[in-house]
């Protein structure tokens, strides 16, 4: 469990730096998504072949279908998100996109029969409030309805991605990440090809950030992410998932020298505090109940 937590948090931190890396690439938004999924898939496939693993995802057709759907949802989510970036700006798009974990948490009692505990709900409310404080002051009132629709669809596709991936319980580790990312790449490739073709005009300065975004942020990030969420409760994935936008804000302050207001600092503390409270309190209660049960048995 500790290993799963470590890998999941590392993946969130990598994803949080995506915007910083993407800023160094001169390609359009759909082209960036196309390149990152292509590079990430090639990297994971190379690792899979070097490790001499064998594909087994097709042995359980039901789980295979869930995994392919999860990958397609991830690709669609990224495309909707990048379109929302262009229409209504990064802050507003991110705010709408991170309603995805809310959808996951609402669905978890019905889909996975996970009880909603009060520490989880309290921590989650703190996280949501923190998100609004961090991004709320940057939201402009000029957003287009199409941009808001794209942001909402990106959140919905995020929820579908997490739920479907959790359903594919027989496909784990590197194979899970590879099939997931490959399915996302095919989805993006078909859409991009139909919309504008797949011809890319990359500048010399684009190669380094493209490789970083594709190999490290996408390839390794997706490997850590999808090999860990299967071992974590759905609500944990939803609550801790907000560390991604928090890390994006902190990195922008440290690297891009962007200023944070007192309101945004308070919001960042609420995100971190809410995520930690929801997890630490819940785990502490679990350990207490387990210890009490062992004592009563003795």
Protein backbone atom coordinates (compact mmCIF):
# COMPACT_ATOMS: atom_id res chain seq x y z
CA UNK A 1 0.00 0.00 0.00
CA UNK A 2 2.84 2.42 0.83
CA UNK A 3 4.43 1.69 -2.54
CA UNK A 4 1.12 2.40 -4.28
CA UNK A 5 0.78 5.72 -2.43
CA UNK A 6 4.33 6.72 -3.34
CA UNK A 7 3.88 5.92 -7.02
CA UNK A 8 0.50 7.64 -7.17
CA UNK A 9 1.77 10.86 -5.58
CA UNK A 10 4.87 10.82 -7.83
CA UNK A 11 2.58 10.51 -10.88
CA UNK A 12 0.46 13.44 -9.71
CA UNK A 13 3.56 15.61 -9.31
CA UNK A 14 4.71 14.69 -12.82
CA UNK A 15 1.28 15.48 -14.24
CA UNK A 16 1.30 18.77 -12.36
CA UNK A 17 4.37 19.86 -14.33
CA UNK A 18 2.76 19.12 -17.72
CA UNK A 19 1.77 22.72 -18.29
CA UNK A 20 5.28 23.99 -17.63
CA UNK A 21 6.77 21.57 -20.14
CA UNK A 22 4.05 22.11 -22.74
CA UNK A 23 4.72 25.85 -22.68
CA UNK A 24 8.11 25.15 -24.24
CA UNK A 25 6.53 23.40 -27.28
CA UNK A 26 5.42 25.42 -30.30
CA UNK A 27 2.86 22.85 -31.53
CA UNK A 28 -0.91 23.26 -31.27
CA UNK A 29 -2.87 21.74 -28.39
CA UNK A 30 -4.16 18.64 -30.25
CA UNK A 31 -0.71 18.06 -31.74
CA UNK A 32 0.86 18.17 -28.27
CA UNK A 33 -1.60 15.55 -27.01
CA UNK A 34 -0.91 13.43 -30.11
CA UNK A 35 2.88 13.62 -29.65
CA UNK A 36 2.84 12.96 -25.91
CA UNK A 37 0.64 9.86 -26.25
CA UNK A 38 2.72 8.57 -29.18
CA UNK A 39 6.04 9.06 -27.38
CA UNK A 40 4.71 7.69 -24.10
CA UNK A 41 3.30 4.59 -25.78
CA UNK A 42 6.56 3.91 -27.65
CA UNK A 43 8.54 4.27 -24.40
CA UNK A 44 6.32 1.89 -22.42
CA UNK A 45 6.27 -0.63 -25.28
CA UNK A 46 10.08 -0.59 -25.32
CA UNK A 47 10.18 -1.22 -21.56
CA UNK A 48 7.62 -4.01 -21.88
CA UNK A 49 9.60 -5.78 -24.62
CA UNK A 50 12.98 -5.32 -22.87
CA UNK A 51 11.54 -6.86 -19.72
CA UNK A 52 10.34 -9.80 -21.87
CA UNK A 53 6.80 -9.58 -20.55
CA UNK A 54 3.96 -11.27 -22.38
CA UNK A 55 0.57 -9.73 -23.12
CA UNK A 56 -2.28 -11.27 -21.16
CA UNK A 57 -4.89 -8.50 -21.13
CA UNK A 58 -6.96 -10.26 -23.81
CA UNK A 59 -7.52 -13.35 -21.63
CA UNK A 60 -10.34 -11.66 -19.75
CA UNK A 61 -12.48 -10.04 -22.42
CA UNK A 62 -14.58 -8.06 -19.95
CA UNK A 63 -11.55 -6.52 -18.23
CA UNK A 64 -9.90 -5.94 -21.61
CA UNK A 65 -12.94 -3.96 -22.75
CA UNK A 66 -12.91 -1.87 -19.57
CA UNK A 67 -9.21 -1.12 -20.05
CA UNK A 68 -9.64 -0.05 -23.68
CA UNK A 69 -12.58 2.14 -22.71
CA UNK A 70 -10.50 3.68 -19.93
CA UNK A 71 -7.70 4.53 -22.37
CA UNK A 72 -10.11 6.01 -24.90
CA UNK A 73 -11.69 8.09 -22.14
CA UNK A 74 -8.26 9.36 -21.09
CA UNK A 75 -7.41 10.43 -24.63
CA UNK A 76 -10.79 12.14 -25.02
CA UNK A 77 -10.39 13.84 -21.65
CA UNK A 78 -7.02 15.32 -22.63
CA UNK A 79 -8.38 16.58 -25.97
CA UNK A 80 -11.41 18.21 -24.36
CA UNK A 81 -9.15 19.74 -21.71
CA UNK A 82 -6.72 21.27 -24.20
CA UNK A 83 -9.62 22.63 -26.25
CA UNK A 84 -11.02 24.19 -23.06
CA UNK A 85 -7.59 25.74 -22.41
CA UNK A 86 -7.86 27.59 -25.70
CA UNK A 87 -11.49 28.63 -25.25
CA UNK A 88 -11.70 29.77 -21.63
CA UNK A 89 -8.14 29.77 -20.36
CA UNK A 90 -6.08 27.38 -18.23
CA UNK A 91 -7.45 28.44 -14.83
CA UNK A 92 -11.15 28.11 -15.68
CA UNK A 93 -10.59 24.91 -17.66
CA UNK A 94 -8.63 23.35 -14.79
CA UNK A 95 -11.31 24.34 -12.30
CA UNK A 96 -14.02 22.63 -14.36
CA UNK A 97 -11.79 19.62 -15.17
CA UNK A 98 -11.09 18.90 -11.52
CA UNK A 99 -14.77 18.32 -10.92
CA UNK A 100 -13.89 14.85 -12.28
CA UNK A 101 -12.87 13.46 -8.87
CA UNK A 102 -16.19 14.75 -7.46
CA UNK A 103 -18.01 12.61 -10.04
CA UNK A 104 -15.83 9.62 -9.09
CA UNK A 105 -16.56 10.05 -5.38
CA UNK A 106 -20.31 10.42 -5.98
CA UNK A 107 -20.33 7.25 -8.12
CA UNK A 108 -18.12 5.14 -5.81
CA UNK A 109 -20.91 4.03 -3.39
CA UNK A 110 -23.00 2.84 -6.36
CA UNK A 111 -20.27 1.41 -8.59
CA UNK A 112 -17.77 0.08 -6.02
CA UNK A 113 -19.92 0.00 -2.86
CA UNK A 114 -17.40 2.09 -0.94
CA UNK A 115 -18.94 3.86 2.04
CA UNK A 116 -18.62 7.65 2.19
CA UNK A 117 -17.04 8.30 5.60
CA UNK A 118 -17.23 11.70 7.28
CA UNK A 119 -13.42 12.20 7.31
CA UNK A 120 -13.37 11.62 3.54
CA UNK A 121 -16.25 14.02 2.96
CA UNK A 122 -14.76 16.67 5.27
CA UNK A 123 -11.35 16.42 3.62
CA UNK A 124 -12.94 16.51 0.19
CA UNK A 125 -14.94 19.67 0.99
CA UNK A 126 -11.73 21.34 2.17
CA UNK A 127 -10.03 20.32 -1.07
CA UNK A 128 -12.88 21.72 -3.20
CA UNK A 129 -12.86 25.00 -1.28
CA UNK A 130 -9.10 25.20 -1.74
CA UNK A 131 -9.43 24.68 -5.51
CA UNK A 132 -11.88 27.57 -5.75
CA UNK A 133 -9.64 29.82 -3.67
CA UNK A 134 -6.56 28.99 -5.77
CA UNK A 135 -8.20 29.42 -9.16
CA UNK A 136 -11.24 31.55 -8.42
CA UNK A 137 -9.46 34.90 -8.49
CA UNK A 138 -8.07 34.14 -11.97
CA UNK A 139 -11.40 33.18 -13.54
CA UNK A 140 -12.70 35.72 -16.05
CA UNK A 141 -16.33 36.16 -16.89
CA UNK A 142 -15.82 36.07 -20.61
CA UNK A 143 -15.80 32.26 -21.00
CA UNK A 144 -17.60 30.77 -23.97
CA UNK A 145 -20.30 28.14 -23.59
CA UNK A 146 -18.34 25.76 -25.86
CA UNK A 147 -15.29 26.08 -23.62
CA UNK A 148 -17.36 25.27 -20.54
CA UNK A 149 -18.87 22.26 -22.32
CA UNK A 150 -15.37 21.01 -23.20
CA UNK A 151 -14.25 21.47 -19.59
CA UNK A 152 -17.29 19.56 -18.34
CA UNK A 153 -16.71 16.76 -20.84
CA UNK A 154 -13.05 16.50 -19.79
CA UNK A 155 -14.20 16.02 -16.17
CA UNK A 156 -16.77 13.41 -17.21
CA UNK A 157 -14.18 11.51 -19.27
CA UNK A 158 -11.77 11.62 -16.31
CA UNK A 159 -14.40 9.92 -14.16
CA UNK A 160 -15.05 7.28 -16.84
CA UNK A 161 -11.29 6.67 -17.10
CA UNK A 162 -10.84 6.05 -13.36
CA UNK A 163 -13.96 3.90 -12.97
CA UNK A 164 -13.24 1.72 -16.02
CA UNK A 165 -9.60 1.26 -15.02
CA UNK A 166 -10.64 0.14 -11.53
CA UNK A 167 -12.94 -2.41 -13.18
CA UNK A 168 -10.05 -3.99 -15.14
CA UNK A 169 -8.68 -5.71 -12.03
CA UNK A 170 -6.93 -8.58 -13.83
CA UNK A 171 -4.63 -6.30 -15.86
CA UNK A 172 -2.01 -4.68 -13.66
CA UNK A 173 1.42 -3.06 -13.64
CA UNK A 174 3.25 -2.09 -16.80
CA UNK A 175 0.83 -3.93 -19.09
CA UNK A 176 -2.10 -1.94 -17.72
CA UNK A 177 -0.28 1.36 -18.32
CA UNK A 178 0.83 0.36 -21.83
CA UNK A 179 -2.60 -0.76 -23.06
CA UNK A 180 -4.23 2.27 -21.44
CA UNK A 181 -1.86 4.75 -23.08
CA UNK A 182 -1.93 2.94 -26.43
CA UNK A 183 -5.73 3.11 -26.44
CA UNK A 184 -5.52 6.83 -25.64
CA UNK A 185 -3.04 7.35 -28.49
CA UNK A 186 -5.30 5.59 -31.02
CA UNK A 187 -8.24 7.73 -29.90
CA UNK A 188 -6.22 10.94 -30.24
CA UNK A 189 -4.69 9.82 -33.56
CA UNK A 190 -8.08 9.10 -35.14
CA UNK A 191 -9.53 12.41 -33.98
CA UNK A 192 -6.48 14.46 -34.97
CA UNK A 193 -6.24 12.73 -38.34
CA UNK A 194 -9.89 13.46 -39.12
CA UNK A 195 -9.66 17.06 -37.94
CA UNK A 196 -6.34 18.29 -39.29
CA UNK A 197 -4.14 15.38 -40.37
CA UNK A 198 -1.16 13.95 -38.52
CA UNK A 199 1.63 15.92 -40.27
CA UNK A 200 3.75 17.68 -37.63
CA UNK A 201 6.07 20.63 -38.10
CA UNK A 202 8.39 20.58 -35.12
CA UNK A 203 11.04 23.17 -34.43
CA UNK A 204 14.52 22.15 -33.28
CA UNK A 205 13.83 23.55 -29.82
CA UNK A 206 10.72 21.38 -29.49
CA UNK A 207 12.51 18.03 -29.31
CA UNK A 208 13.76 18.18 -25.71
CA UNK A 209 10.46 19.27 -24.10
CA UNK A 210 8.54 16.82 -26.34
CA UNK A 211 10.72 13.92 -25.14
CA UNK A 212 10.41 15.05 -21.51
CA UNK A 213 6.63 15.37 -21.82
CA UNK A 214 6.27 12.05 -23.67
CA UNK A 215 8.77 9.83 -21.85
CA UNK A 216 8.90 11.17 -18.30
CA UNK A 217 5.60 12.98 -17.72
CA UNK A 218 3.43 10.69 -19.85
CA UNK A 219 5.24 7.34 -20.09
CA UNK A 220 6.63 7.05 -16.56
CA UNK A 221 3.79 9.14 -15.13
CA UNK A 222 1.09 6.88 -16.57
CA UNK A 223 3.03 3.79 -15.48
CA UNK A 224 3.13 5.04 -11.88
CA UNK A 225 -0.48 6.22 -12.03
CA UNK A 226 -2.21 3.17 -13.47
CA UNK A 227 -0.07 0.64 -11.59
CA UNK A 228 -1.04 2.26 -8.30
CA UNK A 229 -4.73 3.26 -8.49
CA UNK A 230 -5.81 -0.38 -8.65
CA UNK A 231 -4.44 -0.85 -5.12
CA UNK A 232 -6.06 2.30 -3.70
CA UNK A 233 -9.68 3.01 -2.74
CA UNK A 234 -11.58 5.03 -5.34
CA UNK A 235 -12.22 7.86 -2.87
CA UNK A 236 -8.51 8.01 -2.06
CA UNK A 237 -7.73 8.38 -5.76
CA UNK A 238 -10.29 11.19 -5.96
CA UNK A 239 -9.12 13.12 -2.87
CA UNK A 240 -5.37 12.83 -3.43
CA UNK A 241 -5.88 13.61 -7.12
CA UNK A 242 -6.16 17.27 -6.15
CA UNK A 243 -2.46 17.30 -5.34
CA UNK A 244 -1.95 17.56 -9.11
CA UNK A 245 -3.41 21.07 -9.53
CA UNK A 246 -1.79 22.11 -6.25
CA UNK A 247 1.64 21.06 -7.52
CA UNK A 248 0.98 22.92 -10.78
CA UNK A 249 0.36 26.14 -8.86
CA UNK A 250 3.44 25.71 -6.65
CA UNK A 251 5.67 24.94 -9.65
CA UNK A 252 4.40 28.00 -11.50
CA UNK A 253 5.34 30.15 -8.51
CA UNK A 254 8.78 28.61 -8.05
CA UNK A 255 9.81 28.27 -11.72
CA UNK A 256 7.76 30.84 -13.63
CA UNK A 257 7.94 33.34 -10.74
CA UNK A 258 4.19 33.87 -10.79
CA UNK A 259 2.80 35.65 -7.73
CA UNK A 260 0.36 34.02 -5.30
CA UNK A 261 -2.12 36.06 -3.29
CA UNK A 262 -2.95 35.33 0.32
CA UNK A 263 -6.22 33.81 -0.87
CA UNK A 264 -4.38 31.40 -3.15
CA UNK A 265 -1.92 30.41 -0.42
CA UNK A 266 -4.86 29.65 1.88
CA UNK A 267 -6.42 27.59 -0.89
CA UNK A 268 -3.21 25.61 -1.39
CA UNK A 269 -3.07 24.85 2.34
CA UNK A 270 -6.70 23.70 2.28
CA UNK A 271 -6.00 21.34 -0.64
CA UNK A 272 -3.01 19.77 1.06
CA UNK A 273 -4.61 19.74 4.52
CA UNK A 274 -7.90 18.31 3.28
CA UNK A 275 -6.19 15.50 1.35
CA UNK A 276 -3.96 14.62 4.31
CA UNK A 277 -6.84 14.75 6.82
CA UNK A 278 -9.10 12.54 4.74
CA UNK A 279 -6.39 9.90 4.40
CA UNK A 280 -4.51 10.04 7.73
CA UNK A 281 -7.65 10.16 9.89
CA UNK A 282 -9.26 7.34 7.94
CA UNK A 283 -6.16 5.14 8.08
CA UNK A 284 -5.70 5.87 11.77
CA UNK A 285 -9.30 4.86 12.44
CA UNK A 286 -8.80 1.66 10.44
CA UNK A 287 -5.70 0.74 12.48
CA UNK A 288 -7.55 1.49 15.74
CA UNK A 289 -10.50 -0.72 14.78
CA UNK A 290 -8.14 -3.50 13.67
CA UNK A 291 -6.18 -3.33 16.95
CA UNK A 292 -9.42 -3.35 19.00
CA UNK A 293 -10.65 -6.38 17.09
CA UNK A 294 -7.37 -8.26 17.73
CA UNK A 295 -7.54 -7.44 21.46
CA UNK A 296 -11.15 -8.65 21.71
CA UNK A 297 -10.19 -11.87 19.93
CA UNK A 298 -7.46 -12.52 22.46
